[in-house]
Amino acid sequence: MPRKMTPSQFRSAIRQAQNKQKQAIDKYNRQVRQHNQKVKQAVSNYNNEVRRHNARVRANRQRIATELRRLQSSNTVRYQVVQTSAITLNNYYERLDAGGSSLESESYGSEFLDLSERENANSLALSNALDSEADESSIDPSDLLHTEIEGMLQQLSPDLSNRWKGALFSLNPHELAPN
C-alpha cells in the first residue's frame, strides 16, 4: 500500500526528484562539453602537426628540386663520384617516394620517408657545395653552431654527441668552445 503524503510532502518529493534529474542532466552536459573540448583539442593538435609535417615536406622537396637543378646545370664537375652518387641517391629516393604508401602502413614508415627525403636533399646540397666555385671564406662561421642532429645524437649516445661537437670545433675553433 502506498505511503500517505501531505500535499507539502508531495511537492517536496517532486522538487527533490526534479533537482536530481536536473543534476543528472547538468552532469551529463558537463561531461559532453569536456569530451567535445578534448576532441576539439586533439583535432587541433593533429591538424597543427599535419601542417608542420606538410611544411617540412614542401621545404625539403623545394630544396631537392633547387639542388637538383643546380647540380644538373653545373658546367664543371670536380667530384664526379660524389655527383654521380647524389644523382643515383635521388633516383632511388624518387622510387622510394613513389612507392611510399606501402611504407606508411608500417609504424616507422613515414619517419623513414622523412629521413630519406632529408638525406637526399643533403646529398644533393653537398655535391653542389663541393663543386661550387665559392671560396671557403664565404661560409659564415656562425652557421656551424646550428646543427639539427646534435639533440638526436645526445639521445642516441653522449659519446657520439661529443664526437660531433669535436668535429664542429675542428672546423672552426674560434667560434666553438668545447664543453
N, C-alpha and C. Protein backbone atom coordinates (compact mmCIF):
# COMPACT_ATOMS: atom_id res chain seq x y z
N MET A 1 0.83 -1.17 0.00
CA MET A 1 0.00 0.00 0.00
C MET A 1 0.89 1.25 0.00
N PRO A 2 0.56 2.22 -0.86
CA PRO A 2 1.39 3.42 -0.94
C PRO A 2 1.31 4.25 0.34
N ARG A 3 2.41 4.89 0.59
CA ARG A 3 2.50 5.71 1.78
C ARG A 3 1.68 6.99 1.58
N LYS A 4 1.05 7.40 2.63
CA LYS A 4 0.24 8.60 2.55
C LYS A 4 1.13 9.82 2.75
N MET A 5 0.90 10.86 1.90
CA MET A 5 1.70 12.08 1.97
C MET A 5 0.78 13.29 2.03
N THR A 6 1.26 14.25 2.72
CA THR A 6 0.54 15.52 2.73
C THR A 6 0.90 16.26 1.45
N PRO A 7 0.14 17.23 1.04
CA PRO A 7 0.48 17.98 -0.18
C PRO A 7 1.86 18.62 -0.12
N SER A 8 2.29 19.13 1.01
CA SER A 8 3.63 19.73 1.09
C SER A 8 4.71 18.67 0.97
N GLN A 9 4.50 17.48 1.53
CA GLN A 9 5.46 16.38 1.38
C GLN A 9 5.53 15.95 -0.09
N PHE A 10 4.38 15.93 -0.75
CA PHE A 10 4.33 15.55 -2.15
C PHE A 10 5.10 16.56 -3.01
N ARG A 11 4.89 17.86 -2.78
CA ARG A 11 5.61 18.91 -3.52
C ARG A 11 7.10 18.81 -3.25
N SER A 12 7.47 18.52 -2.01
CA SER A 12 8.88 18.36 -1.65
C SER A 12 9.50 17.17 -2.38
N ALA A 13 8.79 16.06 -2.43
CA ALA A 13 9.29 14.87 -3.14
C ALA A 13 9.45 15.15 -4.62
N ILE A 14 8.51 15.90 -5.21
CA ILE A 14 8.61 16.26 -6.64
C ILE A 14 9.81 17.16 -6.86
N ARG A 15 9.99 18.18 -5.99
CA ARG A 15 11.16 19.07 -6.11
C ARG A 15 12.46 18.30 -6.00
N GLN A 16 12.54 17.35 -5.07
CA GLN A 16 13.75 16.53 -4.93
C GLN A 16 14.01 15.71 -6.19
N ALA A 17 12.96 15.12 -6.75
CA ALA A 17 13.11 14.34 -7.98
C ALA A 17 13.54 15.24 -9.14
N GLN A 18 12.96 16.44 -9.21
CA GLN A 18 13.33 17.38 -10.27
C GLN A 18 14.78 17.84 -10.11
N ASN A 19 15.19 18.09 -8.86
CA ASN A 19 16.58 18.50 -8.61
C ASN A 19 17.56 17.39 -8.99
N LYS A 20 17.22 16.14 -8.64
CA LYS A 20 18.08 15.01 -9.01
C LYS A 20 18.19 14.90 -10.53
N GLN A 21 17.05 15.07 -11.20
CA GLN A 21 17.04 14.99 -12.66
C GLN A 21 17.87 16.13 -13.25
N LYS A 22 17.70 17.34 -12.72
CA LYS A 22 18.46 18.49 -13.20
C LYS A 22 19.96 18.29 -12.97
N GLN A 23 20.34 17.76 -11.80
CA GLN A 23 21.75 17.49 -11.52
C GLN A 23 22.31 16.45 -12.48
N ALA A 24 21.52 15.41 -12.75
CA ALA A 24 21.97 14.37 -13.68
C ALA A 24 22.16 14.94 -15.09
N ILE A 25 21.22 15.79 -15.52
CA ILE A 25 21.32 16.41 -16.84
C ILE A 25 22.52 17.34 -16.90
N ASP A 26 22.71 18.16 -15.84
CA ASP A 26 23.86 19.07 -15.79
C ASP A 26 25.18 18.29 -15.83
N LYS A 27 25.24 17.20 -15.07
CA LYS A 27 26.46 16.38 -15.05
C LYS A 27 26.72 15.80 -16.44
N TYR A 28 25.68 15.29 -17.07
CA TYR A 28 25.82 14.72 -18.41
C TYR A 28 26.29 15.79 -19.40
N ASN A 29 25.67 16.97 -19.37
CA ASN A 29 26.05 18.06 -20.27
C ASN A 29 27.50 18.51 -20.03
N ARG A 30 27.92 18.55 -18.78
CA ARG A 30 29.30 18.93 -18.43
C ARG A 30 30.28 17.90 -19.01
N GLN A 31 29.94 16.62 -18.86
CA GLN A 31 30.81 15.57 -19.41
C GLN A 31 30.85 15.63 -20.94
N VAL A 32 29.73 15.93 -21.56
CA VAL A 32 29.70 16.06 -23.03
C VAL A 32 30.57 17.24 -23.46
N ARG A 33 30.46 18.39 -22.78
CA ARG A 33 31.28 19.55 -23.11
C ARG A 33 32.76 19.25 -22.93
N GLN A 34 33.12 18.56 -21.84
CA GLN A 34 34.52 18.19 -21.61
C GLN A 34 35.02 17.26 -22.72
N HIS A 35 34.21 16.28 -23.05
CA HIS A 35 34.60 15.35 -24.12
C HIS A 35 34.77 16.09 -25.44
N ASN A 36 33.81 16.97 -25.77
CA ASN A 36 33.90 17.72 -27.02
C ASN A 36 35.12 18.63 -27.04
N GLN A 37 35.45 19.21 -25.90
CA GLN A 37 36.64 20.07 -25.80
C GLN A 37 37.91 19.25 -26.03
N LYS A 38 37.96 18.05 -25.44
CA LYS A 38 39.13 17.18 -25.65
C LYS A 38 39.25 16.76 -27.11
N VAL A 39 38.12 16.43 -27.72
CA VAL A 39 38.13 16.05 -29.14
C VAL A 39 38.59 17.23 -29.99
N LYS A 40 38.06 18.40 -29.71
CA LYS A 40 38.43 19.60 -30.46
C LYS A 40 39.94 19.88 -30.31
N GLN A 41 40.47 19.74 -29.10
CA GLN A 41 41.89 19.96 -28.86
C GLN A 41 42.74 18.92 -29.59
N ALA A 42 42.29 17.66 -29.56
CA ALA A 42 43.03 16.60 -30.25
C ALA A 42 43.04 16.84 -31.76
N VAL A 43 41.91 17.25 -32.30
CA VAL A 43 41.83 17.54 -33.74
C VAL A 43 42.72 18.72 -34.08
N SER A 44 42.70 19.74 -33.23
CA SER A 44 43.55 20.91 -33.45
C SER A 44 45.03 20.54 -33.40
N ASN A 45 45.42 19.73 -32.42
CA ASN A 45 46.82 19.28 -32.31
C ASN A 45 47.21 18.46 -33.54
N TYR A 46 46.32 17.58 -33.96
CA TYR A 46 46.59 16.76 -35.14
C TYR A 46 46.75 17.64 -36.39
N ASN A 47 45.83 18.60 -36.56
CA ASN A 47 45.91 19.49 -37.71
C ASN A 47 47.19 20.31 -37.70
N ASN A 48 47.60 20.78 -36.52
CA ASN A 48 48.85 21.53 -36.42
C ASN A 48 50.04 20.67 -36.79
N GLU A 49 50.03 19.43 -36.32
CA GLU A 49 51.13 18.51 -36.64
C GLU A 49 51.16 18.21 -38.14
N VAL A 50 49.99 18.04 -38.74
CA VAL A 50 49.92 17.79 -40.19
C VAL A 50 50.45 19.00 -40.95
N ARG A 51 50.08 20.20 -40.52
CA ARG A 51 50.58 21.42 -41.18
C ARG A 51 52.10 21.52 -41.07
N ARG A 52 52.63 21.23 -39.89
CA ARG A 52 54.10 21.28 -39.72
C ARG A 52 54.77 20.24 -40.61
N HIS A 53 54.20 19.04 -40.62
CA HIS A 53 54.77 17.97 -41.47
C HIS A 53 54.72 18.37 -42.94
N ASN A 54 53.59 18.87 -43.38
CA ASN A 54 53.46 19.27 -44.79
C ASN A 54 54.42 20.40 -45.13
N ALA A 55 54.61 21.33 -44.22
CA ALA A 55 55.55 22.43 -44.45
C ALA A 55 56.97 21.88 -44.59
N ARG A 56 57.34 20.92 -43.71
CA ARG A 56 58.67 20.31 -43.82
C ARG A 56 58.83 19.59 -45.15
N VAL A 57 57.80 18.85 -45.56
CA VAL A 57 57.87 18.10 -46.82
C VAL A 57 58.00 19.07 -47.99
N ARG A 58 57.18 20.14 -47.98
CA ARG A 58 57.29 21.13 -49.08
C ARG A 58 58.68 21.75 -49.12
N ALA A 59 59.21 22.12 -47.95
CA ALA A 59 60.54 22.74 -47.90
C ALA A 59 61.61 21.77 -48.40
N ASN A 60 61.53 20.50 -47.97
CA ASN A 60 62.51 19.51 -48.43
C ASN A 60 62.40 19.28 -49.93
N ARG A 61 61.19 19.18 -50.44
CA ARG A 61 61.01 18.95 -51.88
C ARG A 61 61.48 20.15 -52.69
N GLN A 62 61.22 21.34 -52.19
CA GLN A 62 61.71 22.55 -52.87
C GLN A 62 63.23 22.56 -52.87
N ARG A 63 63.81 22.21 -51.74
CA ARG A 63 65.27 22.17 -51.63
C ARG A 63 65.85 21.12 -52.58
N ILE A 64 65.20 19.95 -52.66
CA ILE A 64 65.67 18.90 -53.57
C ILE A 64 65.60 19.40 -55.01
N ALA A 65 64.48 20.01 -55.39
CA ALA A 65 64.33 20.50 -56.76
C ALA A 65 65.37 21.56 -57.09
N THR A 66 65.60 22.47 -56.16
CA THR A 66 66.59 23.53 -56.37
C THR A 66 68.00 22.96 -56.50
N GLU A 67 68.36 22.07 -55.58
CA GLU A 67 69.71 21.49 -55.61
C GLU A 67 69.91 20.62 -56.85
N LEU A 68 68.87 19.91 -57.27
CA LEU A 68 68.97 19.06 -58.45
C LEU A 68 69.13 19.91 -59.71
N ARG A 69 68.38 20.99 -59.82
CA ARG A 69 68.53 21.90 -60.97
C ARG A 69 69.94 22.48 -60.99
N ARG A 70 70.41 22.89 -59.82
CA ARG A 70 71.75 23.47 -59.72
C ARG A 70 72.82 22.46 -60.10
N LEU A 71 72.62 21.22 -59.66
CA LEU A 71 73.58 20.16 -59.96
C LEU A 71 73.60 19.85 -61.46
N GLN A 72 72.42 19.79 -62.06
CA GLN A 72 72.34 19.45 -63.48
C GLN A 72 72.79 20.59 -64.38
N SER A 73 72.73 21.82 -63.89
CA SER A 73 73.16 22.96 -64.71
C SER A 73 74.63 23.30 -64.50
N SER A 74 75.30 22.56 -63.63
CA SER A 74 76.70 22.83 -63.34
C SER A 74 77.56 22.54 -64.57
N ASN A 75 78.46 23.47 -64.87
CA ASN A 75 79.35 23.32 -66.03
C ASN A 75 80.59 22.49 -65.69
N THR A 76 81.08 22.68 -64.49
CA THR A 76 82.29 21.97 -64.10
C THR A 76 81.96 20.96 -63.01
N VAL A 77 82.57 19.81 -63.14
CA VAL A 77 82.38 18.77 -62.14
C VAL A 77 83.76 18.39 -61.62
N ARG A 78 84.00 18.75 -60.37
CA ARG A 78 85.29 18.42 -59.77
C ARG A 78 85.25 17.08 -59.06
N TYR A 79 84.10 16.68 -58.60
CA TYR A 79 83.96 15.43 -57.86
C TYR A 79 82.89 14.58 -58.54
N GLN A 80 83.27 13.94 -59.62
CA GLN A 80 82.33 13.16 -60.42
C GLN A 80 81.68 12.05 -59.61
N VAL A 81 82.45 11.39 -58.76
CA VAL A 81 81.91 10.28 -57.97
C VAL A 81 80.81 10.78 -57.02
N VAL A 82 81.04 11.92 -56.39
CA VAL A 82 80.05 12.47 -55.47
C VAL A 82 78.79 12.88 -56.23
N GLN A 83 78.98 13.51 -57.39
CA GLN A 83 77.82 13.94 -58.17
C GLN A 83 77.02 12.73 -58.65
N THR A 84 77.70 11.72 -59.15
CA THR A 84 77.01 10.51 -59.61
C THR A 84 76.28 9.84 -58.45
N SER A 85 76.92 9.79 -57.31
CA SER A 85 76.31 9.20 -56.12
C SER A 85 75.06 9.98 -55.71
N ALA A 86 75.13 11.30 -55.74
CA ALA A 86 74.00 12.13 -55.36
C ALA A 86 72.83 11.94 -56.32
N ILE A 87 73.12 11.87 -57.61
CA ILE A 87 72.06 11.67 -58.60
C ILE A 87 71.45 10.28 -58.45
N THR A 88 72.28 9.29 -58.21
CA THR A 88 71.78 7.92 -58.02
C THR A 88 70.90 7.85 -56.77
N LEU A 89 71.36 8.48 -55.69
CA LEU A 89 70.56 8.52 -54.47
C LEU A 89 69.23 9.20 -54.72
N ASN A 90 69.23 10.28 -55.49
CA ASN A 90 67.99 10.97 -55.81
C ASN A 90 67.05 10.06 -56.59
N ASN A 91 67.58 9.30 -57.55
CA ASN A 91 66.74 8.38 -58.32
C ASN A 91 66.12 7.32 -57.41
N TYR A 92 66.92 6.78 -56.50
CA TYR A 92 66.39 5.78 -55.56
C TYR A 92 65.34 6.41 -54.63
N TYR A 93 65.61 7.64 -54.21
CA TYR A 93 64.63 8.31 -53.35
C TYR A 93 63.31 8.50 -54.09
N GLU A 94 63.37 8.91 -55.35
CA GLU A 94 62.14 9.12 -56.13
C GLU A 94 61.35 7.81 -56.24
N ARG A 95 62.05 6.70 -56.43
CA ARG A 95 61.36 5.40 -56.49
C ARG A 95 60.75 5.06 -55.13
N LEU A 96 61.49 5.31 -54.07
CA LEU A 96 61.00 5.05 -52.71
C LEU A 96 59.78 5.91 -52.42
N ASP A 97 59.84 7.17 -52.81
CA ASP A 97 58.73 8.09 -52.56
C ASP A 97 57.50 7.68 -53.37
N ALA A 98 57.70 7.20 -54.59
CA ALA A 98 56.57 6.77 -55.42
C ALA A 98 55.87 5.56 -54.79
N GLY A 99 56.63 4.68 -54.17
CA GLY A 99 56.03 3.50 -53.53
C GLY A 99 55.87 3.68 -52.04
N GLY A 100 55.89 4.91 -51.57
CA GLY A 100 55.86 5.20 -50.13
C GLY A 100 54.58 4.84 -49.43
N SER A 101 53.47 4.71 -50.17
CA SER A 101 52.20 4.41 -49.49
C SER A 101 52.24 3.05 -48.81
N SER A 102 53.03 2.12 -49.35
CA SER A 102 53.13 0.82 -48.70
C SER A 102 53.94 0.91 -47.41
N LEU A 103 54.89 1.85 -47.36
CA LEU A 103 55.69 2.04 -46.14
C LEU A 103 54.92 2.74 -45.03
N GLU A 104 53.98 3.61 -45.41
CA GLU A 104 53.27 4.40 -44.41
C GLU A 104 52.41 3.55 -43.49
N SER A 105 52.09 2.34 -43.92
CA SER A 105 51.30 1.46 -43.06
C SER A 105 52.14 0.89 -41.92
N GLU A 106 53.45 0.89 -42.09
CA GLU A 106 54.36 0.43 -41.04
C GLU A 106 54.50 1.51 -39.97
N SER A 107 54.87 1.12 -38.77
CA SER A 107 54.99 2.09 -37.68
C SER A 107 56.14 3.08 -37.92
N TYR A 108 57.16 2.67 -38.63
CA TYR A 108 58.32 3.51 -38.88
C TYR A 108 58.29 4.14 -40.26
N GLY A 109 57.29 3.87 -41.06
CA GLY A 109 57.25 4.23 -42.47
C GLY A 109 57.37 5.71 -42.78
N SER A 110 56.51 6.53 -42.17
CA SER A 110 56.53 7.95 -42.51
C SER A 110 57.81 8.62 -42.02
N GLU A 111 58.31 8.19 -40.87
CA GLU A 111 59.57 8.76 -40.37
C GLU A 111 60.72 8.35 -41.29
N PHE A 112 60.70 7.12 -41.77
CA PHE A 112 61.72 6.64 -42.70
C PHE A 112 61.70 7.47 -43.99
N LEU A 113 60.50 7.75 -44.51
CA LEU A 113 60.39 8.56 -45.72
C LEU A 113 60.90 9.99 -45.48
N ASP A 114 60.56 10.56 -44.32
CA ASP A 114 61.02 11.91 -43.99
C ASP A 114 62.54 11.97 -43.92
N LEU A 115 63.12 11.00 -43.24
CA LEU A 115 64.58 10.99 -43.09
C LEU A 115 65.27 10.76 -44.43
N SER A 116 64.72 9.89 -45.26
CA SER A 116 65.33 9.64 -46.56
C SER A 116 65.22 10.88 -47.45
N GLU A 117 64.14 11.62 -47.32
CA GLU A 117 63.97 12.84 -48.09
C GLU A 117 65.02 13.89 -47.68
N ARG A 118 65.23 14.03 -46.38
CA ARG A 118 66.25 14.97 -45.90
C ARG A 118 67.64 14.54 -46.33
N GLU A 119 67.91 13.24 -46.27
CA GLU A 119 69.23 12.73 -46.68
C GLU A 119 69.46 12.99 -48.16
N ASN A 120 68.44 12.82 -48.97
CA ASN A 120 68.56 13.09 -50.40
C ASN A 120 68.89 14.57 -50.63
N ALA A 121 68.16 15.45 -49.95
CA ALA A 121 68.42 16.90 -50.09
C ALA A 121 69.83 17.25 -49.62
N ASN A 122 70.26 16.66 -48.52
CA ASN A 122 71.61 16.92 -48.01
C ASN A 122 72.68 16.43 -48.98
N SER A 123 72.45 15.29 -49.58
CA SER A 123 73.41 14.72 -50.53
C SER A 123 73.55 15.61 -51.76
N LEU A 124 72.42 16.09 -52.28
CA LEU A 124 72.47 16.99 -53.44
C LEU A 124 73.15 18.31 -53.08
N ALA A 125 72.85 18.83 -51.89
CA ALA A 125 73.46 20.08 -51.45
C ALA A 125 74.98 19.91 -51.27
N LEU A 126 75.39 18.77 -50.72
CA LEU A 126 76.82 18.51 -50.55
C LEU A 126 77.53 18.46 -51.89
N SER A 127 76.95 17.78 -52.85
CA SER A 127 77.55 17.69 -54.17
C SER A 127 77.69 19.08 -54.79
N ASN A 128 76.65 19.89 -54.64
CA ASN A 128 76.72 21.26 -55.16
C ASN A 128 77.77 22.09 -54.42
N ALA A 129 77.84 21.91 -53.13
CA ALA A 129 78.81 22.67 -52.33
C ALA A 129 80.24 22.31 -52.72
N LEU A 130 80.49 21.03 -52.98
CA LEU A 130 81.83 20.61 -53.36
C LEU A 130 82.22 21.13 -54.74
N ASP A 131 81.24 21.21 -55.62
CA ASP A 131 81.52 21.66 -56.99
C ASP A 131 81.41 23.16 -57.16
N SER A 132 80.95 23.87 -56.15
CA SER A 132 80.77 25.32 -56.31
C SER A 132 82.13 26.00 -56.35
N GLU A 133 82.13 27.13 -57.00
CA GLU A 133 83.35 27.91 -57.17
C GLU A 133 83.62 28.82 -55.98
N ALA A 134 82.67 28.91 -55.07
CA ALA A 134 82.81 29.82 -53.92
C ALA A 134 83.96 29.38 -53.03
N ASP A 135 84.67 30.38 -52.52
CA ASP A 135 85.78 30.04 -51.61
C ASP A 135 85.24 29.84 -50.21
N GLU A 136 86.05 29.25 -49.36
CA GLU A 136 85.62 28.90 -48.01
C GLU A 136 85.35 30.12 -47.14
N SER A 137 85.89 31.28 -47.51
CA SER A 137 85.66 32.47 -46.70
C SER A 137 84.22 32.95 -46.79
N SER A 138 83.45 32.46 -47.78
CA SER A 138 82.06 32.87 -47.90
C SER A 138 81.16 32.13 -46.92
N ILE A 139 81.68 31.14 -46.22
CA ILE A 139 80.90 30.39 -45.25
C ILE A 139 80.87 31.17 -43.95
N ASP A 140 79.67 31.40 -43.44
CA ASP A 140 79.51 32.11 -42.18
C ASP A 140 79.81 31.16 -41.02
N PRO A 141 80.81 31.44 -40.21
CA PRO A 141 81.18 30.53 -39.12
C PRO A 141 80.05 30.28 -38.12
N SER A 142 79.15 31.25 -37.96
CA SER A 142 78.06 31.04 -37.01
C SER A 142 77.09 29.97 -37.49
N ASP A 143 77.09 29.68 -38.81
CA ASP A 143 76.24 28.60 -39.33
C ASP A 143 76.67 27.25 -38.77
N LEU A 144 77.92 27.12 -38.41
CA LEU A 144 78.42 25.85 -37.88
C LEU A 144 77.86 25.55 -36.49
N LEU A 145 77.41 26.60 -35.81
CA LEU A 145 76.87 26.41 -34.47
C LEU A 145 75.50 25.75 -34.47
N HIS A 146 74.77 25.86 -35.56
CA HIS A 146 73.39 25.38 -35.61
C HIS A 146 73.33 24.05 -36.35
N THR A 147 73.18 22.99 -35.60
CA THR A 147 73.04 21.68 -36.20
C THR A 147 71.74 21.05 -35.74
N GLU A 148 71.08 20.36 -36.64
CA GLU A 148 69.80 19.74 -36.32
C GLU A 148 69.99 18.41 -35.60
N ILE A 149 71.13 17.77 -35.80
CA ILE A 149 71.26 16.40 -35.29
C ILE A 149 71.88 16.32 -33.90
N GLU A 150 72.32 17.44 -33.36
CA GLU A 150 73.01 17.39 -32.07
C GLU A 150 72.14 16.79 -30.97
N GLY A 151 70.86 17.20 -30.92
CA GLY A 151 69.95 16.66 -29.91
C GLY A 151 69.71 15.17 -30.10
N MET A 152 69.57 14.76 -31.37
CA MET A 152 69.35 13.34 -31.66
C MET A 152 70.57 12.51 -31.27
N LEU A 153 71.76 13.06 -31.54
CA LEU A 153 72.98 12.34 -31.19
C LEU A 153 73.12 12.21 -29.68
N GLN A 154 72.73 13.27 -28.95
CA GLN A 154 72.81 13.24 -27.49
C GLN A 154 71.89 12.15 -26.93
N GLN A 155 70.71 12.01 -27.51
CA GLN A 155 69.79 10.96 -27.07
C GLN A 155 70.34 9.58 -27.41
N LEU A 156 70.92 9.46 -28.57
CA LEU A 156 71.43 8.18 -29.04
C LEU A 156 72.65 7.75 -28.22
N SER A 157 73.61 8.68 -28.11
CA SER A 157 74.83 8.37 -27.38
C SER A 157 75.56 9.66 -27.03
N PRO A 158 75.78 9.91 -25.75
CA PRO A 158 76.53 11.11 -25.37
C PRO A 158 77.94 11.13 -25.98
N ASP A 159 78.55 9.97 -26.11
CA ASP A 159 79.88 9.89 -26.72
C ASP A 159 79.83 10.34 -28.18
N LEU A 160 78.81 9.89 -28.89
CA LEU A 160 78.66 10.29 -30.29
C LEU A 160 78.41 11.79 -30.40
N SER A 161 77.63 12.33 -29.48
CA SER A 161 77.37 13.77 -29.46
C SER A 161 78.67 14.54 -29.21
N ASN A 162 79.50 14.05 -28.30
CA ASN A 162 80.78 14.71 -28.03
C ASN A 162 81.70 14.66 -29.24
N ARG A 163 81.67 13.57 -29.98
CA ARG A 163 82.48 13.47 -31.20
C ARG A 163 82.01 14.49 -32.23
N TRP A 164 80.69 14.63 -32.34
CA TRP A 164 80.12 15.60 -33.28
C TRP A 164 80.58 17.01 -32.91
N LYS A 165 80.49 17.34 -31.61
CA LYS A 165 80.91 18.66 -31.16
C LYS A 165 82.40 18.87 -31.43
N GLY A 166 83.18 17.81 -31.26
CA GLY A 166 84.62 17.90 -31.55
C GLY A 166 84.87 18.15 -33.03
N ALA A 167 84.09 17.51 -33.89
CA ALA A 167 84.24 17.73 -35.33
C ALA A 167 83.89 19.17 -35.68
N LEU A 168 82.83 19.70 -35.08
CA LEU A 168 82.47 21.10 -35.33
C LEU A 168 83.57 22.03 -34.83
N PHE A 169 84.13 21.70 -33.68
CA PHE A 169 85.21 22.52 -33.13
C PHE A 169 86.42 22.51 -34.05
N SER A 170 86.72 21.35 -34.64
CA SER A 170 87.88 21.28 -35.53
C SER A 170 87.66 22.10 -36.80
N LEU A 171 86.39 22.31 -37.19
CA LEU A 171 86.11 23.13 -38.36
C LEU A 171 86.31 24.61 -38.07
N ASN A 172 86.00 25.04 -36.85
CA ASN A 172 86.14 26.45 -36.51
C ASN A 172 86.36 26.60 -35.00
N PRO A 173 87.58 26.45 -34.56
CA PRO A 173 87.86 26.50 -33.12
C PRO A 173 87.62 27.88 -32.49
N HIS A 174 87.60 28.94 -33.29
CA HIS A 174 87.42 30.27 -32.72
C HIS A 174 85.98 30.54 -32.32
N GLU A 175 85.02 29.94 -33.01
CA GLU A 175 83.60 30.17 -32.74
C GLU A 175 83.03 29.21 -31.71
N LEU A 176 83.59 28.02 -31.66
CA LEU A 176 83.03 26.98 -30.80
C LEU A 176 83.99 26.66 -29.66
N ALA A 177 83.46 26.66 -28.50
CA ALA A 177 84.29 26.28 -27.33
C ALA A 177 83.91 24.89 -26.90
N PRO A 178 84.85 24.00 -26.64
CA PRO A 178 84.50 22.64 -26.21
C PRO A 178 83.86 22.67 -24.83
N ASN A 179 82.98 21.70 -24.58
CA ASN A 179 82.31 21.59 -23.28
C ASN A 179 83.19 20.93 -22.26
